[in-house]
Amino acid sequence: MNNGEHFFAGSVKWVVKRLLSLCLVLAEDMQRIVQVVVVLWAFCGPCFGVIMFFLDAPRDDAKTRREVQSRSELKPMRDDYDNLIHTRIWTLNPSEVEAIFGAPLSVTGSAFGGGTNEPVRAGGSIHGRHPDDLVLAIFAPSGAAISGLHNPDPASCHDHIDLHAVREFGYLEIYYGVSGTGIQQAVLYFRADGGFVPLQSTNDFARRLEWDKNRFAAVKKWLDGHLPKLTDFGIVQVAEVSPLPEPNRGPGAAHQFKYAQTVPVWVQGGGMAFNIAGKEEPFPETKFTNHCIEVRIAALSPDAPQPDNPPVFCRPVTPGVPFGFEVNGRCFSITPKFVNIGAHPAGPFNVPPSNMR
């Protein structure tokens, strides 16, 4: 996983959700997918922004999808869907993806003109043409976002979108970042069969939800048998952290922030141990920061000398939302809970493994 390509996601997640909701209202009567590009000027530097877009739901009526999206019975499945993407798919590297799902059915080239095997799309489409039997679950998000951070040299932009089959059950679309190897977004689609129920009106909701539930169960069962095994640490309490005051600086001088980091929490499971700390990371050339979680491989005892390993994970996270990371082919997930005990606690803030869940 390329942490830099995931870095933008945490701080703009709330903006993405609200703007997409607005765009869904404005575009509800449109008969094609609308692509939305939003440049966040507050964070703006050369070649930086956020590209937001609607996901493809060709079998459904767009207005009806919008009407049912807020129904309470969808929330548990939406959470399950999001957790699957964040903890199981984002942790994979390209060689693992191909070993598990096979060669991609299609590869869509760089949105910024990089050298992949297909040209930049015409007509504003983010992804290439989808199969006719592709289905977006009614509990899946209606839109997604990728980073606009890229190299000004088009030949150095290797971002691309791969579409893989998930056996006869569905499709997995993976959006790789500018390096061409780090996953920055992923979407799980289903594959229609003879019993599929298109969502053309709210009268179709109950039958379509039942179909989606059965399809999702089949996809998860297959993934559980083919993805790397997962060790779930459950809820881990991490101390909150805030940036320290910025020193005085002259007009036009660069920002000179110092950022606090909490004493790590030690956790153990799956034959490994990790130190987990809250951390503030700055956006380059701005005064804005991201509240991040940093994970480092630790000694197998919290009382042993801790190695100074580089982070295996460092990016923004959402409190209460699981995130995943991979070490040596083994996958781990954590649900962070931030605790306000100050940026510089007096001693180690360790949570014994038995109390983590």
Protein backbone atom coordinates (compact mmCIF):
# COMPACT_ATOMS: atom_id res chain seq x y z
CA MET A 1 0.00 0.00 0.00
CA ASN A 2 1.26 3.47 -0.89
CA ASN A 3 0.43 5.65 2.12
CA GLY A 4 0.84 8.88 0.18
CA GLU A 5 -1.83 7.88 -2.30
CA HIS A 6 -4.28 7.22 0.54
CA PHE A 7 -3.31 10.39 2.46
CA PHE A 8 -5.91 12.71 1.00
CA ALA A 9 -8.88 10.48 1.79
CA GLY A 10 -9.35 11.04 5.49
CA SER A 11 -9.42 14.82 5.52
CA VAL A 12 -11.83 15.26 2.61
CA LYS A 13 -14.13 12.29 3.27
CA TRP A 14 -16.82 14.47 4.81
CA VAL A 15 -16.58 16.96 1.93
CA VAL A 16 -16.91 14.17 -0.62
CA LYS A 17 -20.01 12.71 1.02
CA ARG A 18 -21.79 16.05 1.22
CA LEU A 19 -20.92 17.25 -2.26
CA LEU A 20 -21.90 13.92 -3.78
CA SER A 21 -25.24 14.10 -1.98
CA LEU A 22 -25.80 17.54 -3.49
CA CYS A 23 -24.75 16.36 -6.94
CA LEU A 24 -27.09 13.37 -6.72
CA VAL A 25 -30.00 15.75 -6.18
CA LEU A 26 -28.96 17.95 -9.08
CA ALA A 27 -28.38 15.00 -11.40
CA GLU A 28 -31.28 12.75 -10.43
CA ASP A 29 -33.06 13.17 -13.77
CA MET A 30 -29.95 12.73 -15.91
CA GLN A 31 -29.74 9.50 -17.86
CA ARG A 32 -25.97 9.17 -17.88
CA ILE A 33 -23.22 9.14 -15.29
CA VAL A 34 -22.06 12.61 -14.41
CA GLN A 35 -18.41 13.12 -13.60
CA VAL A 36 -17.63 15.77 -11.03
CA VAL A 37 -14.22 17.33 -10.54
CA VAL A 38 -13.71 19.41 -7.42
CA VAL A 39 -10.51 21.28 -6.67
CA LEU A 40 -10.24 22.06 -2.96
CA TRP A 41 -8.60 25.46 -3.08
CA ALA A 42 -7.93 25.42 0.63
CA PHE A 43 -5.39 22.66 0.07
CA CYS A 44 -4.48 23.66 -3.42
CA GLY A 45 -0.90 23.42 -4.65
CA PRO A 46 0.51 22.43 -8.01
CA CYS A 47 -1.27 19.37 -9.39
CA PHE A 48 -3.38 18.77 -6.27
CA GLY A 49 -7.13 18.29 -5.98
CA VAL A 50 -9.81 15.68 -5.52
CA ILE A 51 -11.61 14.00 -8.40
CA MET A 52 -15.10 12.90 -7.43
CA PHE A 53 -17.37 10.81 -9.62
CA PHE A 54 -20.58 8.80 -9.57
CA LEU A 55 -20.38 5.03 -9.70
CA ASP A 56 -21.95 3.12 -12.55
CA ALA A 57 -25.42 1.71 -11.84
CA PRO A 58 -26.75 1.07 -15.35
CA ARG A 59 -29.59 -1.28 -14.31
CA ASP A 60 -31.21 1.12 -11.84
CA ASP A 61 -33.23 4.31 -11.98
CA ALA A 62 -31.02 7.11 -10.58
CA LYS A 63 -33.87 8.94 -8.85
CA THR A 64 -35.09 5.77 -7.14
CA ARG A 65 -31.59 4.92 -5.94
CA ARG A 66 -31.34 8.33 -4.34
CA GLU A 67 -34.71 7.92 -2.63
CA VAL A 68 -33.81 4.61 -0.98
CA GLN A 69 -30.18 5.37 -0.05
CA SER A 70 -31.07 6.72 3.39
CA ARG A 71 -33.24 3.77 4.50
CA SER A 72 -32.11 2.45 7.85
CA GLU A 73 -32.09 -1.21 6.80
CA LEU A 74 -29.24 -0.46 4.38
CA LYS A 75 -26.82 0.88 7.01
CA PRO A 76 -25.55 -2.47 8.42
CA MET A 77 -24.81 -3.74 4.93
CA ARG A 78 -23.22 -0.45 3.88
CA ASP A 79 -20.92 -0.63 6.91
CA ASP A 80 -20.07 -4.25 6.07
CA TYR A 81 -19.34 -3.27 2.46
CA ASP A 82 -17.10 -0.35 3.50
CA ASN A 83 -15.22 -2.48 6.04
CA LEU A 84 -14.58 -5.14 3.42
CA ILE A 85 -13.07 -2.59 1.04
CA HIS A 86 -11.02 -0.77 3.70
CA THR A 87 -9.64 -3.80 5.57
CA ARG A 88 -9.37 -6.51 2.90
CA ILE A 89 -8.97 -4.88 -0.52
CA TRP A 90 -6.92 -1.74 0.20
CA THR A 91 -4.28 -3.91 1.87
CA LEU A 92 -3.47 -5.83 -1.32
CA ASN A 93 -0.63 -5.14 -3.74
CA PRO A 94 -0.94 -5.60 -7.55
CA SER A 95 0.70 -9.05 -7.60
CA GLU A 96 -1.69 -10.28 -4.89
CA VAL A 97 -4.67 -8.83 -6.74
CA GLU A 98 -3.75 -10.68 -9.92
CA ALA A 99 -2.98 -13.92 -8.06
CA ILE A 100 -6.38 -13.85 -6.37
CA PHE A 101 -8.63 -12.49 -9.10
CA GLY A 102 -6.68 -13.27 -12.26
CA ALA A 103 -5.64 -10.89 -15.01
CA PRO A 104 -7.83 -7.79 -15.34
CA LEU A 105 -10.70 -7.91 -17.81
CA SER A 106 -9.87 -4.35 -18.80
CA VAL A 107 -7.32 -1.66 -17.95
CA THR A 108 -8.21 2.02 -18.28
CA GLY A 109 -5.22 4.32 -18.70
CA SER A 110 -4.10 7.31 -16.65
CA ALA A 111 -6.51 10.18 -16.10
CA PHE A 112 -3.44 12.43 -16.45
CA GLY A 113 -2.04 11.02 -19.68
CA GLY A 114 0.43 8.45 -18.36
CA GLY A 115 1.70 5.51 -20.35
CA THR A 116 -0.65 2.58 -19.71
CA ASN A 117 -2.18 0.33 -22.29
CA GLU A 118 -5.20 2.50 -23.16
CA PRO A 119 -5.48 6.23 -23.91
CA VAL A 120 -7.09 8.86 -21.72
CA ARG A 121 -10.87 8.65 -21.87
CA ALA A 122 -12.97 10.96 -23.97
CA GLY A 123 -16.22 12.52 -22.76
CA GLY A 124 -15.18 12.95 -19.13
CA SER A 125 -15.56 9.32 -18.06
CA ILE A 126 -13.26 8.19 -15.24
CA HIS A 127 -13.48 4.46 -15.97
CA GLY A 128 -13.74 2.50 -19.20
CA ARG A 129 -16.79 0.69 -20.55
CA HIS A 130 -18.34 -1.72 -18.09
CA PRO A 131 -19.85 -5.16 -18.81
CA ASP A 132 -23.59 -5.18 -19.49
CA ASP A 133 -24.33 -7.41 -16.49
CA LEU A 134 -22.58 -5.13 -13.97
CA VAL A 135 -24.70 -4.22 -10.90
CA LEU A 136 -24.04 -1.71 -8.11
CA ALA A 137 -25.58 -2.85 -4.80
CA ILE A 138 -28.23 -0.49 -3.45
CA PHE A 139 -26.32 -0.30 -0.15
CA ALA A 140 -23.04 0.64 -1.88
CA PRO A 141 -21.98 4.31 -2.03
CA SER A 142 -23.28 6.19 -5.06
CA GLY A 143 -19.98 7.94 -5.65
CA ALA A 144 -16.27 7.80 -4.91
CA ALA A 145 -13.20 10.02 -4.99
CA ILE A 146 -9.59 9.71 -6.03
CA SER A 147 -6.67 12.05 -5.51
CA GLY A 148 -5.80 14.67 -8.09
CA LEU A 149 -2.20 14.59 -6.88
CA HIS A 150 -0.02 13.68 -9.86
CA ASN A 151 3.25 14.36 -11.61
CA PRO A 152 3.23 17.28 -14.09
CA ASP A 153 5.04 14.99 -16.53
CA PRO A 154 2.32 12.76 -18.09
CA ALA A 155 4.88 10.02 -18.76
CA SER A 156 5.41 9.73 -14.99
CA CYS A 157 1.71 9.25 -14.21
CA HIS A 158 1.01 5.53 -14.00
CA ASP A 159 -2.41 5.68 -12.37
CA HIS A 160 -4.87 3.30 -13.97
CA ILE A 161 -8.11 1.43 -13.31
CA ASP A 162 -8.26 -2.36 -13.44
CA LEU A 163 -11.53 -4.29 -13.64
CA HIS A 164 -11.36 -7.88 -12.36
CA ALA A 165 -13.96 -10.65 -12.27
CA VAL A 166 -14.96 -12.11 -8.91
CA ARG A 167 -15.84 -15.51 -10.34
CA GLU A 168 -19.47 -15.54 -11.49
CA PHE A 169 -20.55 -13.36 -8.57
CA GLY A 170 -19.34 -9.90 -9.46
CA TYR A 171 -16.55 -7.51 -10.38
CA LEU A 172 -13.85 -5.64 -8.49
CA GLU A 173 -12.70 -2.29 -9.88
CA ILE A 174 -9.41 -1.00 -8.48
CA TYR A 175 -8.15 2.56 -8.87
CA TYR A 176 -4.35 2.66 -8.61
CA GLY A 177 -2.57 5.89 -7.72
CA VAL A 178 0.05 7.77 -9.70
CA SER A 179 2.77 5.22 -8.82
CA GLY A 180 0.71 2.52 -10.53
CA THR A 181 1.02 0.19 -7.53
CA GLY A 182 -0.81 1.78 -4.57
CA ILE A 183 -4.57 1.26 -4.30
CA GLN A 184 -6.38 4.52 -3.59
CA GLN A 185 -9.95 3.39 -4.28
CA ALA A 186 -11.84 0.15 -4.92
CA VAL A 187 -15.43 -0.65 -5.85
CA LEU A 188 -17.16 -4.02 -5.55
CA TYR A 189 -19.91 -4.66 -8.09
CA PHE A 190 -22.22 -7.65 -8.49
CA ARG A 191 -23.01 -9.62 -11.63
CA ALA A 192 -26.64 -9.95 -12.68
CA ASP A 193 -28.19 -13.40 -13.03
CA GLY A 194 -31.63 -14.67 -14.00
CA GLY A 195 -33.13 -13.63 -10.69
CA PHE A 196 -31.80 -10.07 -10.70
CA VAL A 197 -34.31 -7.31 -9.81
CA PRO A 198 -33.57 -3.88 -11.35
CA LEU A 199 -34.46 -0.97 -9.09
CA GLN A 200 -36.87 0.99 -11.25
CA SER A 201 -39.23 2.17 -8.50
CA THR A 202 -39.48 2.00 -4.72
CA ASN A 203 -41.83 -0.96 -5.19
CA ASP A 204 -38.77 -2.97 -6.26
CA PHE A 205 -36.85 -2.21 -3.05
CA ALA A 206 -37.66 -5.29 -0.94
CA ARG A 207 -37.03 -7.82 -3.72
CA ARG A 208 -33.87 -6.05 -4.85
CA LEU A 209 -32.51 -5.85 -1.30
CA GLU A 210 -33.04 -9.59 -0.88
CA TRP A 211 -31.17 -10.25 -4.12
CA ASP A 212 -28.33 -7.93 -3.07
CA LYS A 213 -28.05 -9.64 0.34
CA ASN A 214 -27.76 -13.09 -1.23
CA ARG A 215 -25.25 -11.90 -3.80
CA PHE A 216 -23.15 -10.13 -1.18
CA ALA A 217 -23.12 -13.26 0.99
CA ALA A 218 -21.85 -15.30 -1.97
CA VAL A 219 -19.14 -12.74 -2.76
CA LYS A 220 -17.98 -12.58 0.87
CA LYS A 221 -17.83 -16.36 1.13
CA TRP A 222 -15.65 -16.56 -1.96
CA LEU A 223 -13.41 -13.71 -0.78
CA ASP A 224 -13.00 -15.29 2.67
CA GLY A 225 -11.64 -18.40 1.00
CA HIS A 226 -9.20 -16.54 -1.27
CA LEU A 227 -8.01 -13.37 0.47
CA PRO A 228 -5.15 -13.42 2.99
CA LYS A 229 -6.27 -14.33 6.50
CA LEU A 230 -7.19 -11.35 8.67
CA THR A 231 -6.31 -10.68 12.31
CA ASP A 232 -8.78 -8.19 13.75
CA PHE A 233 -7.56 -6.27 16.80
CA GLY A 234 -11.03 -4.79 17.30
CA ILE A 235 -11.30 -1.42 19.07
CA VAL A 236 -7.96 0.12 20.01
CA GLN A 237 -7.89 3.30 22.11
CA VAL A 238 -5.41 5.88 20.84
CA ALA A 239 -4.66 9.22 22.49
CA GLU A 240 -5.71 12.29 20.53
CA VAL A 241 -3.00 14.65 19.36
CA SER A 242 -2.91 18.30 18.31
CA PRO A 243 -0.31 20.38 16.45
CA LEU A 244 1.97 22.51 18.60
CA PRO A 245 1.86 26.32 18.18
CA GLU A 246 3.65 27.56 15.07
CA PRO A 247 6.73 29.73 15.72
CA ASN A 248 6.60 33.33 14.57
CA ARG A 249 7.58 33.68 10.91
CA GLY A 250 8.26 36.59 8.63
CA PRO A 251 6.11 37.61 5.65
CA GLY A 252 6.37 35.06 2.84
CA ALA A 253 8.33 32.59 4.96
CA ALA A 254 7.44 28.91 4.78
CA HIS A 255 5.34 27.35 7.53
CA GLN A 256 7.42 25.79 10.31
CA PHE A 257 5.08 23.53 12.23
CA LYS A 258 6.01 21.02 14.87
CA TYR A 259 3.65 18.14 15.40
CA ALA A 260 3.00 16.19 18.55
CA GLN A 261 2.84 12.39 18.58
CA THR A 262 1.26 10.29 21.29
CA VAL A 263 2.95 7.55 23.25
CA PRO A 264 2.22 4.37 21.24
CA VAL A 265 -0.32 1.74 22.17
CA TRP A 266 1.15 -1.78 22.07
CA VAL A 267 -1.04 -4.55 20.61
CA GLN A 268 -0.32 -8.18 19.74
CA GLY A 269 -2.03 -10.74 17.55
CA GLY A 270 -1.48 -13.03 14.56
CA GLY A 271 2.08 -13.74 15.68
CA MET A 272 3.09 -10.08 15.51
CA ALA A 273 3.03 -6.97 17.71
CA PHE A 274 2.58 -3.34 16.75
CA ASN A 275 2.96 0.11 18.25
CA ILE A 276 0.06 2.38 17.29
CA ALA A 277 0.25 6.15 17.76
CA GLY A 278 -1.79 9.22 16.92
CA LYS A 279 0.09 11.72 14.78
CA GLU A 280 -0.46 15.00 12.95
CA GLU A 281 0.84 15.10 9.36
CA PRO A 282 0.96 18.36 7.38
CA PHE A 283 -0.15 18.97 3.84
CA PRO A 284 2.93 20.35 2.04
CA GLU A 285 3.06 24.15 1.74
CA THR A 286 -0.11 24.68 3.78
CA LYS A 287 -1.12 25.20 7.40
CA PHE A 288 -3.54 22.26 7.25
CA THR A 289 -2.93 18.88 8.81
CA ASN A 290 -4.38 15.41 8.91
CA HIS A 291 -4.96 13.47 12.10
CA CYS A 292 -3.26 10.20 11.26
CA ILE A 293 -2.65 6.80 12.76
CA GLU A 294 0.89 5.48 12.55
CA VAL A 295 1.58 1.74 12.90
CA ARG A 296 5.06 0.29 13.42
CA ILE A 297 6.19 -3.30 14.01
CA ALA A 298 6.96 -3.73 17.72
CA ALA A 299 8.75 -6.16 20.00
CA LEU A 300 6.68 -9.15 21.10
CA SER A 301 6.62 -7.81 24.65
CA PRO A 302 5.59 -4.27 25.65
CA ASP A 303 8.37 -4.28 28.26
CA ALA A 304 11.13 -5.18 25.79
CA PRO A 305 13.21 -2.51 23.98
CA GLN A 306 11.15 -1.36 21.03
CA PRO A 307 12.78 -1.34 17.57
CA ASP A 308 12.91 1.86 15.54
CA ASN A 309 11.18 0.42 12.48
CA PRO A 310 9.73 2.58 9.71
CA PRO A 311 5.92 2.83 9.68
CA VAL A 312 3.99 0.06 7.94
CA PHE A 313 0.93 2.34 7.90
CA CYS A 314 0.51 6.10 8.27
CA ARG A 315 -2.56 7.89 6.97
CA PRO A 316 -5.77 9.63 8.13
CA VAL A 317 -8.45 7.43 9.64
CA THR A 318 -12.02 7.93 10.80
CA PRO A 319 -12.83 7.21 14.46
CA GLY A 320 -14.91 4.06 14.80
CA VAL A 321 -14.25 2.95 11.21
CA PRO A 322 -11.93 -0.06 10.75
CA PHE A 323 -8.80 0.24 8.63
CA GLY A 324 -6.48 -2.48 7.40
CA PHE A 325 -2.79 -2.93 6.70
CA GLU A 326 -0.58 -5.76 5.49
CA VAL A 327 2.80 -7.00 6.72
CA ASN A 328 4.62 -9.88 5.03
CA GLY A 329 1.49 -11.28 3.44
CA ARG A 330 -0.54 -11.12 6.67
CA CYS A 331 -3.47 -8.71 7.03
CA PHE A 332 -4.55 -6.87 10.17
CA SER A 333 -7.42 -4.53 10.98
CA ILE A 334 -8.00 -1.99 13.74
CA THR A 335 -10.99 0.11 14.73
CA PRO A 336 -9.53 3.31 16.26
CA LYS A 337 -11.12 5.07 19.21
CA PHE A 338 -9.52 8.39 20.08
CA VAL A 339 -9.23 9.25 23.77
CA ASN A 340 -8.58 12.80 24.92
CA ILE A 341 -5.73 12.41 27.40
CA GLY A 342 -3.44 15.05 25.90
CA ALA A 343 -0.75 15.09 23.27
CA HIS A 344 2.02 14.22 25.72
CA PRO A 345 0.77 11.63 28.23
CA ALA A 346 2.96 11.12 31.28
CA GLY A 347 3.57 7.44 30.60
CA PRO A 348 2.83 4.65 28.15
CA PHE A 349 -0.84 4.39 27.25
CA ASN A 350 -1.00 0.66 26.66
CA VAL A 351 -4.15 -1.38 26.19
CA PRO A 352 -3.77 -5.09 27.00
CA PRO A 353 -4.90 -7.34 24.12
CA SER A 354 -7.72 -8.78 26.24
CA ASN A 355 -9.26 -5.31 26.60
CA MET A 356 -9.01 -4.17 23.01
CA ARG A 357 -12.40 -5.32 21.75
